[in-house]
Amino acid sequence: MNSPTVTSLKLKRKSRLLEIGFDDGSSFELSCEFLRVHSPSAEVHGHGQPVLVTHKKDVNISAIEPVGNYAVKLVFDDGHNTGLYSWQVLHHLASNQQQLWQDYLDRLKAEKGSREPLIAMKISYR
């Protein structure tokens, strides 16, 4: 069974949402944070042991780069840019968004992680 093809992508920077339309008529809004913590990159998936990505509540997408006719590379403003989001991956994430998000929140709680961004500390020397 083939996944639907992406027909539209619209980044809503202020609300940090990516609106995705598929050729089956379905459309979804996925937060940039959700997409970042569920990146299909090797950096996030590790070698069979997924890495818990934390502190990404305020992350945004700075660029969307097409990859052929089957995927996009999302460039995040935290510097992450190695995940290729195929139409199949995007459809899976969108279709399972509620469960995937709850699983993420449960794992964050279990591992005492945080969604809150890290604050850079300024150190002054006198």
PDB file of N, CA and C in Angstrom:
ATOM      1  N   MET A   1       0.838  -1.184   0.000  1.00  0.00           N
ATOM      2  CA  MET A   1       0.000   0.000   0.000  1.00  0.00           C
ATOM      3  C   MET A   1       0.881   1.246   0.000  1.00  0.00           C
ATOM      4  N   ASN A   2       0.698   2.093  -0.971  1.00  0.00           N
ATOM      5  CA  ASN A   2       1.478   3.316  -1.077  1.00  0.00           C
ATOM      6  C   ASN A   2       0.882   4.406  -0.203  1.00  0.00           C
ATOM      7  N   SER A   3       1.767   5.192   0.402  1.00  0.00           N
ATOM      8  CA  SER A   3       1.320   6.342   1.181  1.00  0.00           C
ATOM      9  C   SER A   3       0.909   7.447   0.226  1.00  0.00           C
ATOM     10  N   PRO A   4      -0.004   8.298   0.666  1.00  0.00           N
ATOM     11  CA  PRO A   4      -0.371   9.443  -0.167  1.00  0.00           C
ATOM     12  C   PRO A   4       0.836  10.340  -0.439  1.00  0.00           C
ATOM     13  N   THR A   5       0.759  11.062  -1.526  1.00  0.00           N
ATOM     14  CA  THR A   5       1.809  12.000  -1.922  1.00  0.00           C
ATOM     15  C   THR A   5       1.502  13.379  -1.364  1.00  0.00           C
ATOM     16  N   VAL A   6       2.532  14.080  -0.932  1.00  0.00           N
ATOM     17  CA  VAL A   6       2.366  15.447  -0.449  1.00  0.00           C
ATOM     18  C   VAL A   6       2.053  16.349  -1.635  1.00  0.00           C
ATOM     19  N   THR A   7       1.021  17.156  -1.488  1.00  0.00           N
ATOM     20  CA  THR A   7       0.643  18.100  -2.545  1.00  0.00           C
ATOM     21  C   THR A   7       0.885  19.549  -2.135  1.00  0.00           C
ATOM     22  N   SER A   8       1.000  19.789  -0.821  1.00  0.00           N
ATOM     23  CA  SER A   8       1.261  21.153  -0.374  1.00  0.00           C
ATOM     24  C   SER A   8       1.950  21.156   0.986  1.00  0.00           C
ATOM     25  N   LEU A   9       2.836  22.109   1.136  1.00  0.00           N
ATOM     26  CA  LEU A   9       3.520  22.352   2.407  1.00  0.00           C
ATOM     27  C   LEU A   9       3.471  23.849   2.660  1.00  0.00           C
ATOM     28  N   LYS A  10       3.014  24.227   3.830  1.00  0.00           N
ATOM     29  CA  LYS A  10       2.969  25.648   4.173  1.00  0.00           C
ATOM     30  C   LYS A  10       3.497  25.819   5.584  1.00  0.00           C
ATOM     31  N   LEU A  11       4.600  26.551   5.706  1.00  0.00           N
ATOM     32  CA  LEU A  11       5.200  26.813   7.003  1.00  0.00           C
ATOM     33  C   LEU A  11       4.554  28.054   7.600  1.00  0.00           C
ATOM     34  N   LYS A  12       4.048  27.895   8.801  1.00  0.00           N
ATOM     35  CA  LYS A  12       3.473  29.013   9.557  1.00  0.00           C
ATOM     36  C   LYS A  12       4.479  29.348  10.657  1.00  0.00           C
ATOM     37  N   ARG A  13       5.391  30.239  10.334  1.00  0.00           N
ATOM     38  CA  ARG A  13       6.520  30.525  11.229  1.00  0.00           C
ATOM     39  C   ARG A  13       6.081  31.042  12.602  1.00  0.00           C
ATOM     40  N   LYS A  14       5.133  31.958  12.632  1.00  0.00           N
ATOM     41  CA  LYS A  14       4.726  32.536  13.914  1.00  0.00           C
ATOM     42  C   LYS A  14       4.156  31.493  14.859  1.00  0.00           C
ATOM     43  N   SER A  15       3.359  30.578  14.339  1.00  0.00           N
ATOM     44  CA  SER A  15       2.764  29.549  15.192  1.00  0.00           C
ATOM     45  C   SER A  15       3.610  28.277  15.238  1.00  0.00           C
ATOM     46  N   ARG A  16       4.712  28.266  14.500  1.00  0.00           N
ATOM     47  CA  ARG A  16       5.635  27.120  14.462  1.00  0.00           C
ATOM     48  C   ARG A  16       4.922  25.838  14.035  1.00  0.00           C
ATOM     49  N   LEU A  17       4.157  25.938  12.963  1.00  0.00           N
ATOM     50  CA  LEU A  17       3.409  24.794  12.437  1.00  0.00           C
ATOM     51  C   LEU A  17       3.722  24.586  10.968  1.00  0.00           C
ATOM     52  N   LEU A  18       3.765  23.322  10.552  1.00  0.00           N
ATOM     53  CA  LEU A  18       3.894  22.981   9.145  1.00  0.00           C
ATOM     54  C   LEU A  18       2.578  22.351   8.723  1.00  0.00           C
ATOM     55  N   GLU A  19       1.920  22.988   7.780  1.00  0.00           N
ATOM     56  CA  GLU A  19       0.648  22.481   7.250  1.00  0.00           C
ATOM     57  C   GLU A  19       0.970  21.608   6.040  1.00  0.00           C
ATOM     58  N   ILE A  20       0.476  20.377   6.063  1.00  0.00           N
ATOM     59  CA  ILE A  20       0.792  19.415   5.008  1.00  0.00           C
ATOM     60  C   ILE A  20      -0.507  18.910   4.388  1.00  0.00           C
ATOM     61  N   GLY A  21      -0.594  18.989   3.057  1.00  0.00           N
ATOM     62  CA  GLY A  21      -1.734  18.444   2.330  1.00  0.00           C
ATOM     63  C   GLY A  21      -1.289  17.246   1.511  1.00  0.00           C
ATOM     64  N   PHE A  22      -2.145  16.214   1.470  1.00  0.00           N
ATOM     65  CA  PHE A  22      -1.853  14.997   0.723  1.00  0.00           C
ATOM     66  C   PHE A  22      -2.857  14.817  -0.402  1.00  0.00           C
ATOM     67  N   ASP A  23      -2.465  14.019  -1.411  1.00  0.00           N
ATOM     68  CA  ASP A  23      -3.315  13.830  -2.586  1.00  0.00           C
ATOM     69  C   ASP A  23      -4.571  13.002  -2.309  1.00  0.00           C
ATOM     70  N   ASP A  24      -4.706  12.452  -1.111  1.00  0.00           N
ATOM     71  CA  ASP A  24      -5.943  11.750  -0.755  1.00  0.00           C
ATOM     72  C   ASP A  24      -6.958  12.698  -0.134  1.00  0.00           C
ATOM     73  N   GLY A  25      -6.610  14.004  -0.098  1.00  0.00           N
ATOM     74  CA  GLY A  25      -7.510  15.017   0.444  1.00  0.00           C
ATOM     75  C   GLY A  25      -7.276  15.324   1.913  1.00  0.00           C
ATOM     76  N   SER A  26      -6.444  14.560   2.572  1.00  0.00           N
ATOM     77  CA  SER A  26      -6.192  14.807   3.991  1.00  0.00           C
ATOM     78  C   SER A  26      -5.195  15.949   4.162  1.00  0.00           C
ATOM     79  N   SER A  27      -5.324  16.637   5.282  1.00  0.00           N
ATOM     80  CA  SER A  27      -4.360  17.683   5.612  1.00  0.00           C
ATOM     81  C   SER A  27      -4.151  17.678   7.125  1.00  0.00           C
ATOM     82  N   PHE A  28      -2.962  18.079   7.515  1.00  0.00           N
ATOM     83  CA  PHE A  28      -2.566  18.032   8.914  1.00  0.00           C
ATOM     84  C   PHE A  28      -1.705  19.250   9.221  1.00  0.00           C
ATOM     85  N   GLU A  29      -1.663  19.610  10.491  1.00  0.00           N
ATOM     86  CA  GLU A  29      -0.714  20.591  10.979  1.00  0.00           C
ATOM     87  C   GLU A  29       0.170  19.896  11.998  1.00  0.00           C
ATOM     88  N   LEU A  30       1.466  19.965  11.771  1.00  0.00           N
ATOM     89  CA  LEU A  30       2.436  19.368  12.678  1.00  0.00           C
ATOM     90  C   LEU A  30       3.314  20.473  13.235  1.00  0.00           C
ATOM     91  N   SER A  31       3.538  20.453  14.539  1.00  0.00           N
ATOM     92  CA  SER A  31       4.395  21.485  15.130  1.00  0.00           C
ATOM     93  C   SER A  31       5.846  21.232  14.734  1.00  0.00           C
ATOM     94  N   CYS A  32       6.598  22.298  14.683  1.00  0.00           N
ATOM     95  CA  CYS A  32       8.027  22.175  14.377  1.00  0.00           C
ATOM     96  C   CYS A  32       8.713  21.340  15.449  1.00  0.00           C
ATOM     97  N   GLU A  33       8.299  21.508  16.693  1.00  0.00           N
ATOM     98  CA  GLU A  33       8.869  20.711  17.780  1.00  0.00           C
ATOM     99  C   GLU A  33       8.615  19.224  17.545  1.00  0.00           C
ATOM    100  N   PHE A  34       7.388  18.867  17.195  1.00  0.00           N
ATOM    101  CA  PHE A  34       7.037  17.466  16.926  1.00  0.00           C
ATOM    102  C   PHE A  34       7.913  16.904  15.805  1.00  0.00           C
ATOM    103  N   LEU A  35       8.038  17.668  14.717  1.00  0.00           N
ATOM    104  CA  LEU A  35       8.856  17.217  13.590  1.00  0.00           C
ATOM    105  C   LEU A  35      10.322  17.085  13.977  1.00  0.00           C
ATOM    106  N   ARG A  36      10.808  17.996  14.807  1.00  0.00           N
ATOM    107  CA  ARG A  36      12.220  17.955  15.225  1.00  0.00           C
ATOM    108  C   ARG A  36      12.508  16.749  16.117  1.00  0.00           C
ATOM    109  N   VAL A  37      11.637  16.509  17.087  1.00  0.00           N
ATOM    110  CA  VAL A  37      11.912  15.398  18.013  1.00  0.00           C
ATOM    111  C   VAL A  37      11.651  14.038  17.377  1.00  0.00           C
ATOM    112  N   HIS A  38      10.919  14.025  16.267  1.00  0.00           N
ATOM    113  CA  HIS A  38      10.671  12.778  15.530  1.00  0.00           C
ATOM    114  C   HIS A  38      11.427  12.740  14.202  1.00  0.00           C
ATOM    115  N   SER A  39      12.518  13.469  14.131  1.00  0.00           N
ATOM    116  CA  SER A  39      13.324  13.494  12.910  1.00  0.00           C
ATOM    117  C   SER A  39      13.735  12.081  12.511  1.00  0.00           C
ATOM    118  N   PRO A  40      13.645  11.779  11.214  1.00  0.00           N
ATOM    119  CA  PRO A  40      14.074  10.461  10.740  1.00  0.00           C
ATOM    120  C   PRO A  40      15.594  10.331  10.592  1.00  0.00           C
ATOM    121  N   SER A  41      16.333  11.282  11.110  1.00  0.00           N
ATOM    122  CA  SER A  41      17.792  11.271  10.959  1.00  0.00           C
ATOM    123  C   SER A  41      18.445  10.182  11.804  1.00  0.00           C
ATOM    124  N   ALA A  42      19.630   9.783  11.398  1.00  0.00           N
ATOM    125  CA  ALA A  42      20.415   8.815  12.170  1.00  0.00           C
ATOM    126  C   ALA A  42      20.791   9.406  13.524  1.00  0.00           C
ATOM    127  N   GLU A  43      20.971  10.720  13.576  1.00  0.00           N
ATOM    128  CA  GLU A  43      21.311  11.399  14.832  1.00  0.00           C
ATOM    129  C   GLU A  43      20.241  11.151  15.894  1.00  0.00           C
ATOM    130  N   VAL A  44      18.977  11.148  15.494  1.00  0.00           N
ATOM    131  CA  VAL A  44      17.864  10.947  16.424  1.00  0.00           C
ATOM    132  C   VAL A  44      17.574   9.464  16.632  1.00  0.00           C
ATOM    133  N   HIS A  45      17.639   8.699  15.568  1.00  0.00           N
ATOM    134  CA  HIS A  45      17.306   7.274  15.670  1.00  0.00           C
ATOM    135  C   HIS A  45      18.442   6.427  16.202  1.00  0.00           C
ATOM    136  N   GLY A  46      19.638   6.977  16.216  1.00  0.00           N
ATOM    137  CA  GLY A  46      20.780   6.225  16.731  1.00  0.00           C
ATOM    138  C   GLY A  46      20.941   4.923  15.965  1.00  0.00           C
ATOM    139  N   HIS A  47      21.544   3.970  16.578  1.00  0.00           N
ATOM    140  CA  HIS A  47      21.734   2.656  15.948  1.00  0.00           C
ATOM    141  C   HIS A  47      20.835   1.660  16.661  1.00  0.00           C
ATOM    142  N   GLY A  48      19.533   1.773  16.379  1.00  0.00           N
ATOM    143  CA  GLY A  48      18.558   0.892  16.994  1.00  0.00           C
ATOM    144  C   GLY A  48      18.043   1.389  18.333  1.00  0.00           C
ATOM    145  N   GLN A  49      18.668   2.413  18.886  1.00  0.00           N
ATOM    146  CA  GLN A  49      18.236   2.976  20.163  1.00  0.00           C
ATOM    147  C   GLN A  49      17.972   4.470  19.971  1.00  0.00           C
ATOM    148  N   PRO A  50      16.680   4.838  19.790  1.00  0.00           N
ATOM    149  CA  PRO A  50      16.368   6.251  19.548  1.00  0.00           C
ATOM    150  C   PRO A  50      16.839   7.164  20.682  1.00  0.00           C
ATOM    151  N   VAL A  51      17.340   8.319  20.296  1.00  0.00           N
ATOM    152  CA  VAL A  51      17.813   9.327  21.232  1.00  0.00           C
ATOM    153  C   VAL A  51      16.627  10.202  21.636  1.00  0.00           C
ATOM    154  N   LEU A  52      16.507  10.488  22.926  1.00  0.00           N
ATOM    155  CA  LEU A  52      15.463  11.392  23.402  1.00  0.00           C
ATOM    156  C   LEU A  52      15.921  12.825  23.141  1.00  0.00           C
ATOM    157  N   VAL A  53      15.209  13.511  22.265  1.00  0.00           N
ATOM    158  CA  VAL A  53      15.536  14.897  21.921  1.00  0.00           C
ATOM    159  C   VAL A  53      14.771  15.805  22.881  1.00  0.00           C
ATOM    160  N   THR A  54      15.488  16.681  23.557  1.00  0.00           N
ATOM    161  CA  THR A  54      14.874  17.548  24.560  1.00  0.00           C
ATOM    162  C   THR A  54      15.119  19.018  24.245  1.00  0.00           C
ATOM    163  N   HIS A  55      14.424  19.883  24.965  1.00  0.00           N
ATOM    164  CA  HIS A  55      14.617  21.337  24.918  1.00  0.00           C
ATOM    165  C   HIS A  55      14.285  21.948  23.551  1.00  0.00           C
ATOM    166  N   LYS A  56      13.255  21.432  22.879  1.00  0.00           N
ATOM    167  CA  LYS A  56      12.947  21.919  21.527  1.00  0.00           C
ATOM    168  C   LYS A  56      11.592  22.615  21.422  1.00  0.00           C
ATOM    169  N   LYS A  57      11.029  23.038  22.548  1.00  0.00           N
ATOM    170  CA  LYS A  57       9.703  23.658  22.549  1.00  0.00           C
ATOM    171  C   LYS A  57       9.603  24.845  21.587  1.00  0.00           C
ATOM    172  N   ASP A  58      10.652  25.639  21.499  1.00  0.00           N
ATOM    173  CA  ASP A  58      10.613  26.848  20.671  1.00  0.00           C
ATOM    174  C   ASP A  58      11.313  26.709  19.327  1.00  0.00           C
ATOM    175  N   VAL A  59      11.679  25.495  18.941  1.00  0.00           N
ATOM    176  CA  VAL A  59      12.383  25.309  17.675  1.00  0.00           C
ATOM    177  C   VAL A  59      11.460  25.666  16.499  1.00  0.00           C
ATOM    178  N   ASN A  60      12.061  26.156  15.440  1.00  0.00           N
ATOM    179  CA  ASN A  60      11.299  26.491  14.237  1.00  0.00           C
ATOM    180  C   ASN A  60      12.037  25.929  13.027  1.00  0.00           C
ATOM    181  N   ILE A  61      11.352  25.903  11.926  1.00  0.00           N
ATOM    182  CA  ILE A  61      11.948  25.475  10.655  1.00  0.00           C
ATOM    183  C   ILE A  61      12.430  26.733   9.948  1.00  0.00           C
ATOM    184  N   SER A  62      13.685  26.739   9.529  1.00  0.00           N
ATOM    185  CA  SER A  62      14.220  27.903   8.830  1.00  0.00           C
ATOM    186  C   SER A  62      14.225  27.718   7.317  1.00  0.00           C
ATOM    187  N   ALA A  63      14.168  26.460   6.847  1.00  0.00           N
ATOM    188  CA  ALA A  63      14.132  26.209   5.405  1.00  0.00           C
ATOM    189  C   ALA A  63      13.539  24.832   5.130  1.00  0.00           C
ATOM    190  N   ILE A  64      12.898  24.737   3.971  1.00  0.00           N
ATOM    191  CA  ILE A  64      12.372  23.463   3.480  1.00  0.00           C
ATOM    192  C   ILE A  64      12.979  23.253   2.107  1.00  0.00           C
ATOM    193  N   GLU A  65      13.741  22.175   1.970  1.00  0.00           N
ATOM    194  CA  GLU A  65      14.434  21.910   0.710  1.00  0.00           C
ATOM    195  C   GLU A  65      13.882  20.636   0.073  1.00  0.00           C
ATOM    196  N   PRO A  66      13.378  20.733  -1.169  1.00  0.00           N
ATOM    197  CA  PRO A  66      12.865  19.532  -1.831  1.00  0.00           C
ATOM    198  C   PRO A  66      13.972  18.535  -2.131  1.00  0.00           C
ATOM    199  N   VAL A  67      13.642  17.253  -2.036  1.00  0.00           N
ATOM    200  CA  VAL A  67      14.552  16.163  -2.377  1.00  0.00           C
ATOM    201  C   VAL A  67      13.808  15.287  -3.384  1.00  0.00           C
ATOM    202  N   GLY A  68      14.113  15.487  -4.655  1.00  0.00           N
ATOM    203  CA  GLY A  68      13.400  14.758  -5.701  1.00  0.00           C
ATOM    204  C   GLY A  68      11.909  14.998  -5.610  1.00  0.00           C
ATOM    205  N   ASN A  69      11.144  13.961  -5.955  1.00  0.00           N
ATOM    206  CA  ASN A  69       9.687  14.041  -5.882  1.00  0.00           C
ATOM    207  C   ASN A  69       9.145  13.178  -4.760  1.00  0.00           C
ATOM    208  N   TYR A  70       9.974  12.927  -3.743  1.00  0.00           N
ATOM    209  CA  TYR A  70       9.551  11.984  -2.718  1.00  0.00           C
ATOM    210  C   TYR A  70       9.803  12.441  -1.283  1.00  0.00           C
ATOM    211  N   ALA A  71      10.485  13.572  -1.090  1.00  0.00           N
ATOM    212  CA  ALA A  71      10.843  13.965   0.272  1.00  0.00           C
ATOM    213  C   ALA A  71      11.215  15.445   0.339  1.00  0.00           C
ATOM    214  N   VAL A  72      11.364  15.915   1.579  1.00  0.00           N
ATOM    215  CA  VAL A  72      11.912  17.243   1.838  1.00  0.00           C
ATOM    216  C   VAL A  72      12.932  17.127   2.963  1.00  0.00           C
ATOM    217  N   LYS A  73      13.899  18.015   2.923  1.00  0.00           N
ATOM    218  CA  LYS A  73      14.832  18.147   4.029  1.00  0.00           C
ATOM    219  C   LYS A  73      14.382  19.376   4.799  1.00  0.00           C
ATOM    220  N   LEU A  74      14.107  19.188   6.089  1.00  0.00           N
ATOM    221  CA  LEU A  74      13.720  20.311   6.933  1.00  0.00           C
ATOM    222  C   LEU A  74      14.959  20.805   7.660  1.00  0.00           C
ATOM    223  N   VAL A  75      15.204  22.089   7.544  1.00  0.00           N
ATOM    224  CA  VAL A  75      16.328  22.711   8.222  1.00  0.00           C
ATOM    225  C   VAL A  75      15.760  23.467   9.419  1.00  0.00           C
ATOM    226  N   PHE A  76      16.191  23.074  10.613  1.00  0.00           N
ATOM    227  CA  PHE A  76      15.681  23.676  11.838  1.00  0.00           C
ATOM    228  C   PHE A  76      16.619  24.770  12.322  1.00  0.00           C
ATOM    229  N   ASP A  77      16.051  25.741  13.036  1.00  0.00           N
ATOM    230  CA  ASP A  77      16.873  26.869  13.478  1.00  0.00           C
ATOM    231  C   ASP A  77      17.830  26.527  14.621  1.00  0.00           C
ATOM    232  N   ASP A  78      17.792  25.276  15.092  1.00  0.00           N
ATOM    233  CA  ASP A  78      18.790  24.835  16.078  1.00  0.00           C
ATOM    234  C   ASP A  78      19.995  24.194  15.397  1.00  0.00           C
ATOM    235  N   GLY A  79      20.006  24.221  14.051  1.00  0.00           N
ATOM    236  CA  GLY A  79      21.126  23.687  13.283  1.00  0.00           C
ATOM    237  C   GLY A  79      20.907  22.273  12.765  1.00  0.00           C
ATOM    238  N   HIS A  80      19.871  21.592  13.238  1.00  0.00           N
ATOM    239  CA  HIS A  80      19.616  20.219  12.773  1.00  0.00           C
ATOM    240  C   HIS A  80      19.103  20.263  11.331  1.00  0.00           C
ATOM    241  N   ASN A  81      19.721  19.463  10.450  1.00  0.00           N
ATOM    242  CA  ASN A  81      19.312  19.483   9.041  1.00  0.00           C
ATOM    243  C   ASN A  81      19.594  18.156   8.330  1.00  0.00           C
ATOM    244  N   THR A  82      19.687  17.065   9.081  1.00  0.00           N
ATOM    245  CA  THR A  82      20.096  15.815   8.436  1.00  0.00           C
ATOM    246  C   THR A  82      18.962  14.829   8.189  1.00  0.00           C
ATOM    247  N   GLY A  83      17.751  15.137   8.605  1.00  0.00           N
ATOM    248  CA  GLY A  83      16.650  14.204   8.380  1.00  0.00           C
ATOM    249  C   GLY A  83      15.958  14.433   7.055  1.00  0.00           C
ATOM    250  N   LEU A  84      15.733  13.357   6.298  1.00  0.00           N
ATOM    251  CA  LEU A  84      14.939  13.442   5.076  1.00  0.00           C
ATOM    252  C   LEU A  84      13.529  12.947   5.394  1.00  0.00           C
ATOM    253  N   TYR A  85      12.578  13.814   5.229  1.00  0.00           N
ATOM    254  CA  TYR A  85      11.184  13.501   5.516  1.00  0.00           C
ATOM    255  C   TYR A  85      10.496  13.097   4.216  1.00  0.00           C
ATOM    256  N   SER A  86      10.449  11.789   3.984  1.00  0.00           N
ATOM    257  CA  SER A  86       9.771  11.289   2.783  1.00  0.00           C
ATOM    258  C   SER A  86       8.272  11.492   2.962  1.00  0.00           C
ATOM    259  N   TRP A  87       7.536  11.377   1.865  1.00  0.00           N
ATOM    260  CA  TRP A  87       6.075  11.498   1.948  1.00  0.00           C
ATOM    261  C   TRP A  87       5.530  10.434   2.894  1.00  0.00           C
ATOM    262  N   GLN A  88       6.130   9.245   2.844  1.00  0.00           N
ATOM    263  CA  GLN A  88       5.702   8.145   3.709  1.00  0.00           C
ATOM    264  C   GLN A  88       5.926   8.487   5.184  1.00  0.00           C
ATOM    265  N   VAL A  89       7.085   9.038   5.493  1.00  0.00           N
ATOM    266  CA  VAL A  89       7.391   9.437   6.873  1.00  0.00           C
ATOM    267  C   VAL A  89       6.438  10.532   7.332  1.00  0.00           C
ATOM    268  N   LEU A  90       6.225  11.548   6.497  1.00  0.00           N
ATOM    269  CA  LEU A  90       5.321  12.639   6.866  1.00  0.00           C
ATOM    270  C   LEU A  90       3.899  12.127   7.092  1.00  0.00           C
ATOM    271  N   HIS A  91       3.452  11.226   6.246  1.00  0.00           N
ATOM    272  CA  HIS A  91       2.103  10.685   6.407  1.00  0.00           C
ATOM    273  C   HIS A  91       2.007   9.852   7.689  1.00  0.00           C
ATOM    274  N   HIS A  92       3.040   9.076   7.966  1.00  0.00           N
ATOM    275  CA  HIS A  92       3.057   8.290   9.211  1.00  0.00           C
ATOM    276  C   HIS A  92       3.025   9.213  10.432  1.00  0.00           C
ATOM    277  N   LEU A  93       3.865  10.233  10.449  1.00  0.00           N
ATOM    278  CA  LEU A  93       3.896  11.163  11.569  1.00  0.00           C
ATOM    279  C   LEU A  93       2.556  11.869  11.736  1.00  0.00           C
ATOM    280  N   ALA A  94       1.980  12.317  10.623  1.00  0.00           N
ATOM    281  CA  ALA A  94       0.706  13.033  10.683  1.00  0.00           C
ATOM    282  C   ALA A  94      -0.433  12.120  11.140  1.00  0.00           C
ATOM    283  N   SER A  95      -0.492  10.930  10.598  1.00  0.00           N
ATOM    284  CA  SER A  95      -1.574   9.998  10.907  1.00  0.00           C
ATOM    285  C   SER A  95      -1.507   9.471  12.337  1.00  0.00           C
ATOM    286  N   ASN A  96      -0.323   9.473  12.916  1.00  0.00           N
ATOM    287  CA  ASN A  96      -0.124   8.919  14.263  1.00  0.00           C
ATOM    288  C   ASN A  96       0.319   9.978  15.267  1.00  0.00           C
ATOM    289  N   GLN A  97       0.066  11.223  14.919  1.00  0.00           N
ATOM    290  CA  GLN A  97       0.562  12.348  15.702  1.00  0.00           C
ATOM    291  C   GLN A  97       0.182  12.270  17.186  1.00  0.00           C
ATOM    292  N   GLN A  98      -1.064  12.012  17.500  1.00  0.00           N
ATOM    293  CA  GLN A  98      -1.488  12.009  18.904  1.00  0.00           C
ATOM    294  C   GLN A  98      -0.758  10.949  19.716  1.00  0.00           C
ATOM    295  N   GLN A  99      -0.690   9.731  19.206  1.00  0.00           N
ATOM    296  CA  GLN A  99      -0.024   8.657  19.946  1.00  0.00           C
ATOM    297  C   GLN A  99       1.481   8.892  20.044  1.00  0.00           C
ATOM    298  N   LEU A 100       2.093   9.325  18.937  1.00  0.00           N
ATOM    299  CA  LEU A 100       3.536   9.593  18.955  1.00  0.00           C
ATOM    300  C   LEU A 100       3.888  10.706  19.942  1.00  0.00           C
ATOM    301  N   TRP A 101       3.037  11.739  19.990  1.00  0.00           N
ATOM    302  CA  TRP A 101       3.293  12.852  20.894  1.00  0.00           C
ATOM    303  C   TRP A 101       3.148  12.390  22.349  1.00  0.00           C
ATOM    304  N   GLN A 102       2.103  11.610  22.630  1.00  0.00           N
ATOM    305  CA  GLN A 102       1.916  11.120  23.995  1.00  0.00           C
ATOM    306  C   GLN A 102       3.062  10.212  24.411  1.00  0.00           C
ATOM    307  N   ASP A 103       3.512   9.366  23.505  1.00  0.00           N
ATOM    308  CA  ASP A 103       4.659   8.495  23.791  1.00  0.00           C
ATOM    309  C   ASP A 103       5.902   9.333  24.110  1.00  0.00           C
ATOM    310  N   TYR A 104       6.088  10.417  23.360  1.00  0.00           N
ATOM    311  CA  TYR A 104       7.226  11.311  23.581  1.00  0.00           C
ATOM    312  C   TYR A 104       7.129  11.960  24.965  1.00  0.00           C
ATOM    313  N   LEU A 105       5.935  12.480  25.306  1.00  0.00           N
ATOM    314  CA  LEU A 105       5.745  13.124  26.604  1.00  0.00           C
ATOM    315  C   LEU A 105       5.963  12.128  27.750  1.00  0.00           C
ATOM    316  N   ASP A 106       5.487  10.907  27.565  1.00  0.00           N
ATOM    317  CA  ASP A 106       5.683   9.867  28.582  1.00  0.00           C
ATOM    318  C   ASP A 106       7.173   9.554  28.760  1.00  0.00           C
ATOM    319  N   ARG A 107       7.892   9.476  27.650  1.00  0.00           N
ATOM    320  CA  ARG A 107       9.330   9.188  27.731  1.00  0.00           C
ATOM    321  C   ARG A 107      10.086  10.350  28.372  1.00  0.00           C
ATOM    322  N   LEU A 108       9.682  11.578  28.029  1.00  0.00           N
ATOM    323  CA  LEU A 108      10.299  12.756  28.658  1.00  0.00           C
ATOM    324  C   LEU A 108      10.139  12.689  30.174  1.00  0.00           C
ATOM    325  N   LYS A 109       8.927  12.390  30.614  1.00  0.00           N
ATOM    326  CA  LYS A 109       8.644  12.317  32.047  1.00  0.00           C
ATOM    327  C   LYS A 109       9.462  11.211  32.709  1.00  0.00           C
ATOM    328  N   ALA A 110       9.485  10.050  32.081  1.00  0.00           N
ATOM    329  CA  ALA A 110      10.205   8.901  32.642  1.00  0.00           C
ATOM    330  C   ALA A 110      11.704   9.172  32.758  1.00  0.00           C
ATOM    331  N   GLU A 111      12.245   9.927  31.798  1.00  0.00           N
ATOM    332  CA  GLU A 111      13.684  10.194  31.789  1.00  0.00           C
ATOM    333  C   GLU A 111      14.036  11.568  32.350  1.00  0.00           C
ATOM    334  N   LYS A 112      13.030  12.217  32.951  1.00  0.00           N
ATOM    335  CA  LYS A 112      13.200  13.542  33.567  1.00  0.00           C
ATOM    336  C   LYS A 112      13.776  14.562  32.584  1.00  0.00           C
ATOM    337  N   GLY A 113      13.273  14.492  31.353  1.00  0.00           N
ATOM    338  CA  GLY A 113      13.674  15.442  30.324  1.00  0.00           C
ATOM    339  C   GLY A 113      12.758  16.648  30.329  1.00  0.00           C
ATOM    340  N   SER A 114      13.094  17.627  29.527  1.00  0.00           N
ATOM    341  CA  SER A 114      12.302  18.850  29.454  1.00  0.00           C
ATOM    342  C   SER A 114      12.132  19.302  28.009  1.00  0.00           C
ATOM    343  N   ARG A 115      10.967  19.865  27.733  1.00  0.00           N
ATOM    344  CA  ARG A 115      10.715  20.482  26.434  1.00  0.00           C
ATOM    345  C   ARG A 115      11.242  21.914  26.408  1.00  0.00           C
ATOM    346  N   GLU A 116      11.377  22.514  27.571  1.00  0.00           N
ATOM    347  CA  GLU A 116      11.753  23.925  27.674  1.00  0.00           C
ATOM    348  C   GLU A 116      13.129  24.167  27.072  1.00  0.00           C
ATOM    349  N   PRO A 117      13.266  25.285  26.345  1.00  0.00           N
ATOM    350  CA  PRO A 117      14.565  25.593  25.734  1.00  0.00           C
ATOM    351  C   PRO A 117      15.628  25.870  26.789  1.00  0.00           C
ATOM    352  N   LEU A 118      16.845  25.534  26.455  1.00  0.00           N
ATOM    353  CA  LEU A 118      17.967  25.862  27.320  1.00  0.00           C
ATOM    354  C   LEU A 118      18.244  27.356  27.184  1.00  0.00           C
ATOM    355  N   ILE A 119      18.544  27.970  28.280  1.00  0.00           N
ATOM    356  CA  ILE A 119      18.824  29.418  28.276  1.00  0.00           C
ATOM    357  C   ILE A 119      20.323  29.604  28.369  1.00  0.00           C
ATOM    358  N   ALA A 120      20.846  30.331  27.398  1.00  0.00           N
ATOM    359  CA  ALA A 120      22.287  30.621  27.420  1.00  0.00           C
ATOM    360  C   ALA A 120      22.576  31.566  28.571  1.00  0.00           C
ATOM    361  N   MET A 121      23.556  31.220  29.361  1.00  0.00           N
ATOM    362  CA  MET A 121      23.917  32.056  30.492  1.00  0.00           C
ATOM    363  C   MET A 121      25.014  33.029  30.082  1.00  0.00           C
ATOM    364  N   LYS A 122      24.850  34.257  30.522  1.00  0.00           N
ATOM    365  CA  LYS A 122      25.880  35.261  30.273  1.00  0.00           C
ATOM    366  C   LYS A 122      26.758  35.346  31.523  1.00  0.00           C
ATOM    367  N   ILE A 123      28.028  35.249  31.294  1.00  0.00           N
ATOM    368  CA  ILE A 123      28.982  35.359  32.386  1.00  0.00           C
ATOM    369  C   ILE A 123      29.803  36.618  32.150  1.00  0.00           C
ATOM    370  N   SER A 124      29.805  37.463  33.157  1.00  0.00           N
ATOM    371  CA  SER A 124      30.608  38.681  33.004  1.00  0.00           C
ATOM    372  C   SER A 124      31.795  38.610  33.950  1.00  0.00           C
ATOM    373  N   TYR A 125      32.884  39.107  33.456  1.00  0.00           N
ATOM    374  CA  TYR A 125      34.105  39.150  34.243  1.00  0.00           C
ATOM    375  C   TYR A 125      34.435  40.610  34.520  1.00  0.00           C
ATOM    376  N   ARG A 126      34.839  40.866  35.732  1.00  0.00           N
ATOM    377  CA  ARG A 126      35.181  42.255  36.081  1.00  0.00           C
ATOM    378  C   ARG A 126      36.653  42.433  36.217  1.00  0.00           C
TER     379      ARG A 126
END
